[in-house]
Amino acid sequence: MTMQQGSLLPTTQIWDVSQIYDLKGESEQMKELLVRMYQNLSLMSNVINSKETGFYYKQEVMTSAVYTSPTSNQQQDLRAEFSKCIFGGALPATKEHGITIDTAFKLVDIYGAASDSINSLYYPFCFAQSGGTNNLNAYINGADVVINNGTGVTFDSYVIVIKFLKV
């Protein structure tokens, strides 16, 4: 699959639609039209398949991102990325994530934010102040998302996104 930076679907006509009605079944022009239509569909498939999936669900879903396998030297040996979102109210110390974590699990990313909507305070989970005491971070273990809140803020909601591979 050819990956393109900023891939976009074509929005202009590639052929004159009115000419289609004049084409004969096995003419060279009809063959050329079919080839161009096939190429256009192929381009659209590649563009659609290379787009980032913008769905963030509570259940585990496969995104459109792919990675070269960390256990293989073959570049074409690809692994799909999966994601899962953890949504909640008041910020707990731990929250069960429900992801099977075994030797095939490889963490790609964990990010999110916590909100104190009463005081209009919003912190990313990688928040750290100098001195290292007023931090907000999250990590995962075999069963839970572990949240460390040293900010002194009482958060009323949070979202955590976990992205990972199953190698």
N, C-alpha and C. Protein backbone atom coordinates (compact mmCIF):
# COMPACT_ATOMS: atom_id res chain seq x y z
N MET A 1 0.84 -1.17 0.00
CA MET A 1 0.00 0.00 0.00
C MET A 1 0.89 1.24 0.00
N THR A 2 0.62 2.15 -0.88
CA THR A 2 1.38 3.39 -0.96
C THR A 2 0.81 4.38 0.05
N MET A 3 1.66 4.88 0.94
CA MET A 3 1.22 5.86 1.92
C MET A 3 1.56 7.24 1.41
N GLN A 4 0.59 8.15 1.52
CA GLN A 4 0.78 9.51 1.04
C GLN A 4 0.60 10.46 2.21
N GLN A 5 1.43 11.49 2.25
CA GLN A 5 1.25 12.53 3.25
C GLN A 5 0.02 13.35 2.88
N GLY A 6 -0.90 13.52 3.80
CA GLY A 6 -2.08 14.33 3.53
C GLY A 6 -2.95 13.75 2.43
N SER A 7 -3.12 12.45 2.39
CA SER A 7 -3.90 11.81 1.34
C SER A 7 -5.34 12.32 1.35
N LEU A 8 -5.80 12.71 0.20
CA LEU A 8 -7.17 13.18 0.05
C LEU A 8 -7.82 12.50 -1.13
N LEU A 9 -9.12 12.28 -1.03
CA LEU A 9 -9.85 11.70 -2.15
C LEU A 9 -10.02 12.75 -3.25
N PRO A 10 -9.93 12.34 -4.52
CA PRO A 10 -10.16 13.30 -5.59
C PRO A 10 -11.61 13.78 -5.58
N THR A 11 -11.81 15.06 -5.82
CA THR A 11 -13.17 15.61 -5.80
C THR A 11 -13.60 16.12 -7.17
N THR A 12 -12.72 16.07 -8.14
CA THR A 12 -13.07 16.51 -9.48
C THR A 12 -13.29 15.31 -10.37
N GLN A 13 -14.05 15.49 -11.42
CA GLN A 13 -14.28 14.40 -12.36
C GLN A 13 -13.00 14.09 -13.12
N ILE A 14 -12.74 12.80 -13.26
CA ILE A 14 -11.53 12.37 -13.94
C ILE A 14 -11.82 12.14 -15.42
N TRP A 15 -13.06 11.95 -15.78
CA TRP A 15 -13.46 11.77 -17.17
C TRP A 15 -14.77 12.50 -17.42
N ASP A 16 -15.06 12.73 -18.65
CA ASP A 16 -16.30 13.40 -19.03
C ASP A 16 -17.43 12.38 -19.02
N VAL A 17 -18.33 12.50 -18.07
CA VAL A 17 -19.40 11.53 -17.88
C VAL A 17 -20.28 11.43 -19.12
N SER A 18 -20.47 12.52 -19.83
CA SER A 18 -21.34 12.47 -21.01
C SER A 18 -20.77 11.56 -22.10
N GLN A 19 -19.47 11.36 -22.13
CA GLN A 19 -18.85 10.49 -23.12
C GLN A 19 -19.12 9.01 -22.86
N ILE A 20 -19.47 8.66 -21.64
CA ILE A 20 -19.70 7.26 -21.30
C ILE A 20 -20.84 6.68 -22.13
N TYR A 21 -21.86 7.48 -22.38
CA TYR A 21 -23.03 7.00 -23.14
C TYR A 21 -22.69 6.65 -24.58
N ASP A 22 -21.64 7.25 -25.13
CA ASP A 22 -21.26 7.01 -26.52
C ASP A 22 -20.31 5.83 -26.70
N LEU A 23 -19.82 5.26 -25.60
CA LEU A 23 -18.84 4.19 -25.70
C LEU A 23 -19.49 2.85 -26.07
N LYS A 24 -18.81 2.08 -26.89
CA LYS A 24 -19.26 0.75 -27.30
C LYS A 24 -18.63 -0.29 -26.37
N GLY A 25 -19.31 -1.41 -26.18
CA GLY A 25 -18.95 -2.45 -25.23
C GLY A 25 -17.50 -2.85 -25.15
N GLU A 26 -16.84 -3.15 -26.28
CA GLU A 26 -15.47 -3.63 -26.23
C GLU A 26 -14.50 -2.70 -26.96
N SER A 27 -14.86 -1.46 -27.06
CA SER A 27 -13.99 -0.51 -27.75
C SER A 27 -12.76 -0.18 -26.89
N GLU A 28 -11.73 0.36 -27.52
CA GLU A 28 -10.53 0.77 -26.79
C GLU A 28 -10.86 1.87 -25.78
N GLN A 29 -11.80 2.75 -26.14
CA GLN A 29 -12.19 3.83 -25.23
C GLN A 29 -12.87 3.25 -23.97
N MET A 30 -13.70 2.20 -24.16
CA MET A 30 -14.37 1.58 -23.01
C MET A 30 -13.33 0.89 -22.13
N LYS A 31 -12.35 0.22 -22.73
CA LYS A 31 -11.29 -0.43 -21.95
C LYS A 31 -10.49 0.61 -21.17
N GLU A 32 -10.19 1.74 -21.82
CA GLU A 32 -9.45 2.81 -21.15
C GLU A 32 -10.26 3.37 -19.98
N LEU A 33 -11.56 3.55 -20.17
CA LEU A 33 -12.43 4.04 -19.11
C LEU A 33 -12.42 3.07 -17.92
N LEU A 34 -12.54 1.78 -18.19
CA LEU A 34 -12.54 0.79 -17.12
C LEU A 34 -11.22 0.77 -16.36
N VAL A 35 -10.11 0.90 -17.07
CA VAL A 35 -8.80 0.95 -16.42
C VAL A 35 -8.71 2.19 -15.52
N ARG A 36 -9.14 3.34 -16.04
CA ARG A 36 -9.08 4.58 -15.24
C ARG A 36 -10.01 4.51 -14.03
N MET A 37 -11.17 3.88 -14.18
CA MET A 37 -12.08 3.71 -13.04
C MET A 37 -11.45 2.80 -11.99
N TYR A 38 -10.82 1.71 -12.43
CA TYR A 38 -10.16 0.79 -11.52
C TYR A 38 -9.03 1.52 -10.77
N GLN A 39 -8.22 2.29 -11.48
CA GLN A 39 -7.14 3.04 -10.85
C GLN A 39 -7.68 4.04 -9.84
N ASN A 40 -8.78 4.69 -10.18
CA ASN A 40 -9.40 5.66 -9.27
C ASN A 40 -9.92 4.96 -8.01
N LEU A 41 -10.57 3.81 -8.16
CA LEU A 41 -11.05 3.06 -7.00
C LEU A 41 -9.89 2.58 -6.14
N SER A 42 -8.80 2.17 -6.77
CA SER A 42 -7.62 1.75 -6.04
C SER A 42 -7.05 2.91 -5.22
N LEU A 43 -6.96 4.08 -5.84
CA LEU A 43 -6.47 5.26 -5.13
C LEU A 43 -7.38 5.58 -3.94
N MET A 44 -8.69 5.55 -4.17
CA MET A 44 -9.62 5.86 -3.07
C MET A 44 -9.48 4.85 -1.93
N SER A 45 -9.31 3.57 -2.26
CA SER A 45 -9.13 2.55 -1.22
C SER A 45 -7.87 2.81 -0.41
N ASN A 46 -6.77 3.13 -1.09
CA ASN A 46 -5.52 3.43 -0.38
C ASN A 46 -5.65 4.65 0.50
N VAL A 47 -6.31 5.68 0.02
CA VAL A 47 -6.48 6.90 0.80
C VAL A 47 -7.34 6.63 2.03
N ILE A 48 -8.45 5.95 1.84
CA ILE A 48 -9.34 5.65 2.97
C ILE A 48 -8.63 4.77 3.99
N ASN A 49 -7.91 3.76 3.53
CA ASN A 49 -7.24 2.85 4.45
C ASN A 49 -6.06 3.49 5.17
N SER A 50 -5.50 4.57 4.65
CA SER A 50 -4.37 5.21 5.31
C SER A 50 -4.80 6.30 6.28
N LYS A 51 -6.07 6.60 6.37
CA LYS A 51 -6.55 7.64 7.28
C LYS A 51 -6.58 7.13 8.71
N GLU A 52 -6.35 8.00 9.65
CA GLU A 52 -6.41 7.66 11.07
C GLU A 52 -7.86 7.46 11.47
N THR A 53 -8.11 6.36 12.18
CA THR A 53 -9.45 6.11 12.68
C THR A 53 -9.73 7.07 13.82
N GLY A 54 -10.82 7.78 13.73
CA GLY A 54 -11.16 8.78 14.74
C GLY A 54 -12.22 8.30 15.71
N PHE A 55 -12.29 7.01 15.98
CA PHE A 55 -13.27 6.48 16.91
C PHE A 55 -12.58 6.16 18.22
N TYR A 56 -13.11 6.67 19.30
CA TYR A 56 -12.56 6.42 20.62
C TYR A 56 -13.66 5.82 21.49
N TYR A 57 -13.68 4.49 21.54
CA TYR A 57 -14.72 3.75 22.23
C TYR A 57 -14.24 3.20 23.55
N LYS A 58 -15.20 2.84 24.40
CA LYS A 58 -14.87 2.18 25.66
C LYS A 58 -14.38 0.76 25.44
N GLN A 59 -14.82 0.14 24.36
CA GLN A 59 -14.35 -1.21 24.06
C GLN A 59 -13.12 -1.13 23.15
N GLU A 60 -12.37 -2.20 23.16
CA GLU A 60 -11.14 -2.30 22.37
C GLU A 60 -11.49 -2.31 20.88
N VAL A 61 -10.85 -1.41 20.10
CA VAL A 61 -11.07 -1.37 18.66
C VAL A 61 -9.73 -1.29 17.93
N MET A 62 -9.71 -1.83 16.71
CA MET A 62 -8.52 -1.74 15.88
C MET A 62 -8.56 -0.38 15.17
N THR A 63 -7.47 0.35 15.25
CA THR A 63 -7.38 1.62 14.54
C THR A 63 -6.85 1.35 13.13
N SER A 64 -6.68 2.38 12.35
CA SER A 64 -6.12 2.19 11.00
C SER A 64 -4.59 2.26 11.00
N ALA A 65 -3.99 2.50 12.16
CA ALA A 65 -2.53 2.58 12.24
C ALA A 65 -1.92 1.19 12.21
N VAL A 66 -0.81 1.05 11.51
CA VAL A 66 -0.07 -0.20 11.48
C VAL A 66 1.40 0.08 11.78
N TYR A 67 2.05 -0.90 12.39
CA TYR A 67 3.45 -0.79 12.78
C TYR A 67 4.21 -1.98 12.23
N THR A 68 5.47 -1.77 11.90
CA THR A 68 6.34 -2.89 11.59
C THR A 68 6.47 -3.71 12.87
N SER A 69 6.39 -5.01 12.73
CA SER A 69 6.44 -5.89 13.90
C SER A 69 7.77 -5.74 14.64
N PRO A 70 7.73 -5.53 15.96
CA PRO A 70 8.97 -5.44 16.71
C PRO A 70 9.69 -6.79 16.85
N THR A 71 9.02 -7.88 16.48
CA THR A 71 9.64 -9.20 16.59
C THR A 71 10.09 -9.76 15.25
N SER A 72 10.04 -8.94 14.20
CA SER A 72 10.40 -9.42 12.86
C SER A 72 11.33 -8.42 12.18
N ASN A 73 12.21 -8.93 11.33
CA ASN A 73 13.08 -8.06 10.53
C ASN A 73 12.47 -7.72 9.18
N GLN A 74 11.29 -8.24 8.90
CA GLN A 74 10.62 -8.01 7.62
C GLN A 74 9.74 -6.76 7.73
N GLN A 75 10.03 -5.74 6.94
CA GLN A 75 9.29 -4.49 7.01
C GLN A 75 7.81 -4.68 6.68
N GLN A 76 7.50 -5.63 5.80
CA GLN A 76 6.12 -5.84 5.41
C GLN A 76 5.34 -6.66 6.45
N ASP A 77 5.99 -7.13 7.50
CA ASP A 77 5.33 -7.87 8.57
C ASP A 77 4.73 -6.85 9.54
N LEU A 78 3.48 -6.48 9.30
CA LEU A 78 2.85 -5.37 10.01
C LEU A 78 1.95 -5.86 11.14
N ARG A 79 1.80 -5.00 12.14
CA ARG A 79 0.90 -5.26 13.26
C ARG A 79 -0.06 -4.09 13.40
N ALA A 80 -1.33 -4.42 13.62
CA ALA A 80 -2.36 -3.40 13.77
C ALA A 80 -2.29 -2.78 15.17
N GLU A 81 -2.66 -1.52 15.23
CA GLU A 81 -2.76 -0.83 16.52
C GLU A 81 -4.20 -0.96 17.01
N PHE A 82 -4.35 -1.12 18.32
CA PHE A 82 -5.65 -1.16 18.97
C PHE A 82 -5.73 0.00 19.95
N SER A 83 -6.95 0.44 20.22
CA SER A 83 -7.11 1.49 21.22
C SER A 83 -8.33 1.18 22.09
N LYS A 84 -8.28 1.75 23.28
CA LYS A 84 -9.39 1.64 24.21
C LYS A 84 -9.42 2.91 25.04
N CYS A 85 -10.61 3.43 25.28
CA CYS A 85 -10.76 4.64 26.09
C CYS A 85 -11.36 4.30 27.44
N ILE A 86 -10.86 4.96 28.44
CA ILE A 86 -11.38 4.84 29.79
C ILE A 86 -11.98 6.20 30.14
N PHE A 87 -13.27 6.23 30.39
CA PHE A 87 -13.97 7.46 30.75
C PHE A 87 -14.43 7.33 32.20
N GLY A 88 -14.45 8.43 32.91
CA GLY A 88 -14.92 8.35 34.28
C GLY A 88 -15.28 9.69 34.87
N GLY A 89 -15.84 9.62 36.05
CA GLY A 89 -16.22 10.81 36.80
C GLY A 89 -15.08 11.25 37.69
N ALA A 90 -15.33 11.23 39.01
CA ALA A 90 -14.29 11.63 39.95
C ALA A 90 -13.06 10.76 39.74
N LEU A 91 -11.92 11.38 39.84
CA LEU A 91 -10.65 10.72 39.53
C LEU A 91 -10.32 9.66 40.59
N PRO A 92 -10.29 8.38 40.20
CA PRO A 92 -9.94 7.32 41.16
C PRO A 92 -8.42 7.13 41.21
N ALA A 93 -7.97 6.31 42.14
CA ALA A 93 -6.55 5.94 42.19
C ALA A 93 -6.26 4.86 41.17
N THR A 94 -7.23 3.96 40.95
CA THR A 94 -7.10 2.92 39.93
C THR A 94 -8.44 2.71 39.24
N LYS A 95 -8.36 2.24 38.02
CA LYS A 95 -9.56 1.93 37.25
C LYS A 95 -9.24 0.72 36.39
N GLU A 96 -10.06 -0.32 36.45
CA GLU A 96 -9.82 -1.51 35.66
C GLU A 96 -9.89 -1.17 34.17
N HIS A 97 -8.89 -1.66 33.39
CA HIS A 97 -8.88 -1.35 31.96
C HIS A 97 -9.46 -2.46 31.10
N GLY A 98 -9.45 -3.72 31.54
CA GLY A 98 -10.05 -4.80 30.80
C GLY A 98 -9.28 -5.25 29.56
N ILE A 99 -8.02 -4.87 29.45
CA ILE A 99 -7.18 -5.26 28.31
C ILE A 99 -6.37 -6.49 28.71
N THR A 100 -6.29 -7.45 27.80
CA THR A 100 -5.44 -8.62 28.06
C THR A 100 -3.98 -8.21 27.88
N ILE A 101 -3.26 -8.24 28.97
CA ILE A 101 -1.84 -7.88 28.92
C ILE A 101 -1.03 -9.14 29.17
N ASP A 102 -0.33 -9.56 28.11
CA ASP A 102 0.51 -10.75 28.18
C ASP A 102 1.80 -10.43 27.43
N THR A 103 2.57 -11.45 27.08
CA THR A 103 3.85 -11.20 26.41
C THR A 103 3.67 -10.63 25.01
N ALA A 104 2.47 -10.74 24.42
CA ALA A 104 2.21 -10.20 23.08
C ALA A 104 1.84 -8.72 23.14
N PHE A 105 1.54 -8.18 24.31
CA PHE A 105 1.11 -6.80 24.47
C PHE A 105 2.30 -5.84 24.38
N LYS A 106 2.17 -4.80 23.57
CA LYS A 106 3.18 -3.74 23.47
C LYS A 106 2.46 -2.40 23.55
N LEU A 107 2.74 -1.61 24.58
CA LEU A 107 2.13 -0.30 24.73
C LEU A 107 2.71 0.66 23.70
N VAL A 108 1.83 1.40 23.01
CA VAL A 108 2.26 2.40 22.04
C VAL A 108 2.13 3.79 22.66
N ASP A 109 1.01 4.05 23.33
CA ASP A 109 0.78 5.38 23.87
C ASP A 109 -0.30 5.31 24.94
N ILE A 110 -0.20 6.20 25.90
CA ILE A 110 -1.26 6.41 26.88
C ILE A 110 -1.31 7.91 27.12
N TYR A 111 -2.51 8.47 26.97
CA TYR A 111 -2.67 9.90 27.16
C TYR A 111 -4.10 10.21 27.57
N GLY A 112 -4.33 11.41 27.96
CA GLY A 112 -5.66 11.82 28.36
C GLY A 112 -5.59 13.09 29.17
N ALA A 113 -6.73 13.40 29.79
CA ALA A 113 -6.83 14.62 30.57
C ALA A 113 -7.88 14.46 31.66
N ALA A 114 -7.72 15.25 32.71
CA ALA A 114 -8.68 15.28 33.81
C ALA A 114 -9.25 16.69 33.90
N SER A 115 -10.50 16.76 34.30
CA SER A 115 -11.20 18.05 34.32
C SER A 115 -11.81 18.35 35.68
N ASP A 116 -11.66 19.58 36.10
CA ASP A 116 -12.39 20.13 37.24
C ASP A 116 -13.28 21.21 36.64
N SER A 117 -14.48 20.81 36.21
CA SER A 117 -15.34 21.74 35.48
C SER A 117 -15.91 22.84 36.37
N ILE A 118 -15.95 22.63 37.68
CA ILE A 118 -16.46 23.66 38.60
C ILE A 118 -15.51 24.86 38.63
N ASN A 119 -14.21 24.58 38.68
CA ASN A 119 -13.21 25.65 38.75
C ASN A 119 -12.53 25.92 37.42
N SER A 120 -13.03 25.30 36.34
CA SER A 120 -12.45 25.45 34.99
C SER A 120 -10.96 25.13 34.96
N LEU A 121 -10.60 23.99 35.53
CA LEU A 121 -9.21 23.53 35.53
C LEU A 121 -9.14 22.23 34.73
N TYR A 122 -8.19 22.18 33.80
CA TYR A 122 -8.06 21.03 32.90
C TYR A 122 -6.59 20.67 32.78
N TYR A 123 -6.25 19.45 33.13
CA TYR A 123 -4.86 19.02 33.17
C TYR A 123 -4.65 17.80 32.28
N PRO A 124 -3.55 17.77 31.52
CA PRO A 124 -3.20 16.54 30.81
C PRO A 124 -2.59 15.55 31.80
N PHE A 125 -2.62 14.28 31.46
CA PHE A 125 -2.07 13.28 32.36
C PHE A 125 -0.55 13.27 32.42
N CYS A 126 0.09 14.06 31.63
CA CYS A 126 1.55 14.15 31.72
C CYS A 126 1.97 15.43 32.44
N PHE A 127 1.07 16.01 33.23
CA PHE A 127 1.34 17.28 33.89
C PHE A 127 2.39 17.10 34.99
N ALA A 128 3.39 17.98 34.97
CA ALA A 128 4.42 17.96 36.01
C ALA A 128 4.90 19.38 36.26
N GLN A 129 4.99 19.76 37.51
CA GLN A 129 5.55 21.05 37.88
C GLN A 129 6.98 20.85 38.36
N SER A 130 7.76 21.91 38.30
CA SER A 130 9.14 21.80 38.79
C SER A 130 9.10 21.43 40.27
N GLY A 131 10.02 20.65 40.68
CA GLY A 131 10.05 20.16 42.06
C GLY A 131 9.47 18.76 42.18
N GLY A 132 8.65 18.37 41.18
CA GLY A 132 8.16 17.00 41.11
C GLY A 132 7.09 16.61 42.09
N THR A 133 6.44 17.57 42.76
CA THR A 133 5.44 17.18 43.75
C THR A 133 4.01 17.35 43.25
N ASN A 134 3.75 18.29 42.39
CA ASN A 134 2.39 18.57 41.92
C ASN A 134 2.14 17.92 40.55
N ASN A 135 2.26 16.63 40.49
CA ASN A 135 2.19 15.92 39.21
C ASN A 135 0.84 15.23 39.04
N LEU A 136 0.47 15.00 37.77
CA LEU A 136 -0.67 14.18 37.42
C LEU A 136 -0.22 13.25 36.31
N ASN A 137 -0.25 11.95 36.57
CA ASN A 137 0.14 11.00 35.54
C ASN A 137 -0.67 9.72 35.66
N ALA A 138 -0.61 8.94 34.60
CA ALA A 138 -1.32 7.66 34.57
C ALA A 138 -0.43 6.63 33.89
N TYR A 139 -0.50 5.40 34.37
CA TYR A 139 0.18 4.29 33.72
C TYR A 139 -0.70 3.06 33.87
N ILE A 140 -0.35 1.99 33.17
CA ILE A 140 -1.15 0.78 33.29
C ILE A 140 -0.30 -0.37 33.82
N ASN A 141 -0.97 -1.28 34.49
CA ASN A 141 -0.35 -2.53 34.90
C ASN A 141 -1.21 -3.66 34.33
N GLY A 142 -1.05 -4.87 34.81
CA GLY A 142 -1.77 -6.01 34.25
C GLY A 142 -3.27 -5.93 34.33
N ALA A 143 -3.83 -5.16 35.25
CA ALA A 143 -5.28 -5.12 35.42
C ALA A 143 -5.87 -3.72 35.40
N ASP A 144 -5.08 -2.71 35.78
CA ASP A 144 -5.66 -1.39 36.01
C ASP A 144 -4.90 -0.26 35.33
N VAL A 145 -5.59 0.85 35.19
CA VAL A 145 -4.95 2.13 34.94
C VAL A 145 -4.69 2.71 36.33
N VAL A 146 -3.46 3.08 36.60
CA VAL A 146 -3.10 3.65 37.90
C VAL A 146 -2.91 5.15 37.71
N ILE A 147 -3.60 5.92 38.53
CA ILE A 147 -3.60 7.37 38.39
C ILE A 147 -2.97 7.99 39.63
N ASN A 148 -1.95 8.81 39.42
CA ASN A 148 -1.30 9.54 40.51
C ASN A 148 -1.66 11.01 40.39
N ASN A 149 -2.39 11.51 41.37
CA ASN A 149 -2.81 12.91 41.36
C ASN A 149 -2.18 13.63 42.54
N GLY A 150 -1.11 14.35 42.26
CA GLY A 150 -0.46 15.14 43.29
C GLY A 150 -0.72 16.62 43.13
N THR A 151 -1.74 16.98 42.36
CA THR A 151 -2.00 18.39 42.06
C THR A 151 -2.76 19.11 43.15
N GLY A 152 -3.50 18.36 43.98
CA GLY A 152 -4.36 19.00 44.97
C GLY A 152 -5.71 19.40 44.40
N VAL A 153 -5.92 19.15 43.11
CA VAL A 153 -7.18 19.48 42.45
C VAL A 153 -8.13 18.29 42.56
N THR A 154 -9.40 18.58 42.82
CA THR A 154 -10.42 17.53 42.83
C THR A 154 -11.07 17.50 41.46
N PHE A 155 -10.71 16.52 40.67
CA PHE A 155 -11.22 16.42 39.30
C PHE A 155 -12.58 15.71 39.31
N ASP A 156 -13.47 16.14 38.42
CA ASP A 156 -14.80 15.52 38.35
C ASP A 156 -15.01 14.66 37.12
N SER A 157 -14.05 14.64 36.19
CA SER A 157 -14.14 13.73 35.04
C SER A 157 -12.75 13.56 34.42
N TYR A 158 -12.62 12.46 33.66
CA TYR A 158 -11.35 12.20 33.00
C TYR A 158 -11.58 11.30 31.79
N VAL A 159 -10.62 11.35 30.88
CA VAL A 159 -10.57 10.48 29.71
C VAL A 159 -9.13 10.01 29.57
N ILE A 160 -8.95 8.70 29.41
CA ILE A 160 -7.63 8.13 29.17
C ILE A 160 -7.71 7.26 27.92
N VAL A 161 -6.78 7.47 27.00
CA VAL A 161 -6.71 6.68 25.77
C VAL A 161 -5.48 5.79 25.85
N ILE A 162 -5.68 4.50 25.61
CA ILE A 162 -4.59 3.54 25.62
C ILE A 162 -4.47 2.97 24.20
N LYS A 163 -3.29 3.07 23.61
CA LYS A 163 -3.05 2.51 22.28
C LYS A 163 -1.97 1.45 22.41
N PHE A 164 -2.18 0.30 21.74
CA PHE A 164 -1.27 -0.82 21.94
C PHE A 164 -1.29 -1.76 20.73
N LEU A 165 -0.28 -2.64 20.72
CA LEU A 165 -0.14 -3.68 19.70
C LEU A 165 -0.32 -5.02 20.37
N LYS A 166 -0.75 -5.99 19.55
CA LYS A 166 -0.77 -7.39 19.96
C LYS A 166 0.20 -8.09 19.00
N VAL A 167 1.41 -8.30 19.46
CA VAL A 167 2.47 -8.77 18.56
C VAL A 167 2.33 -10.25 18.27
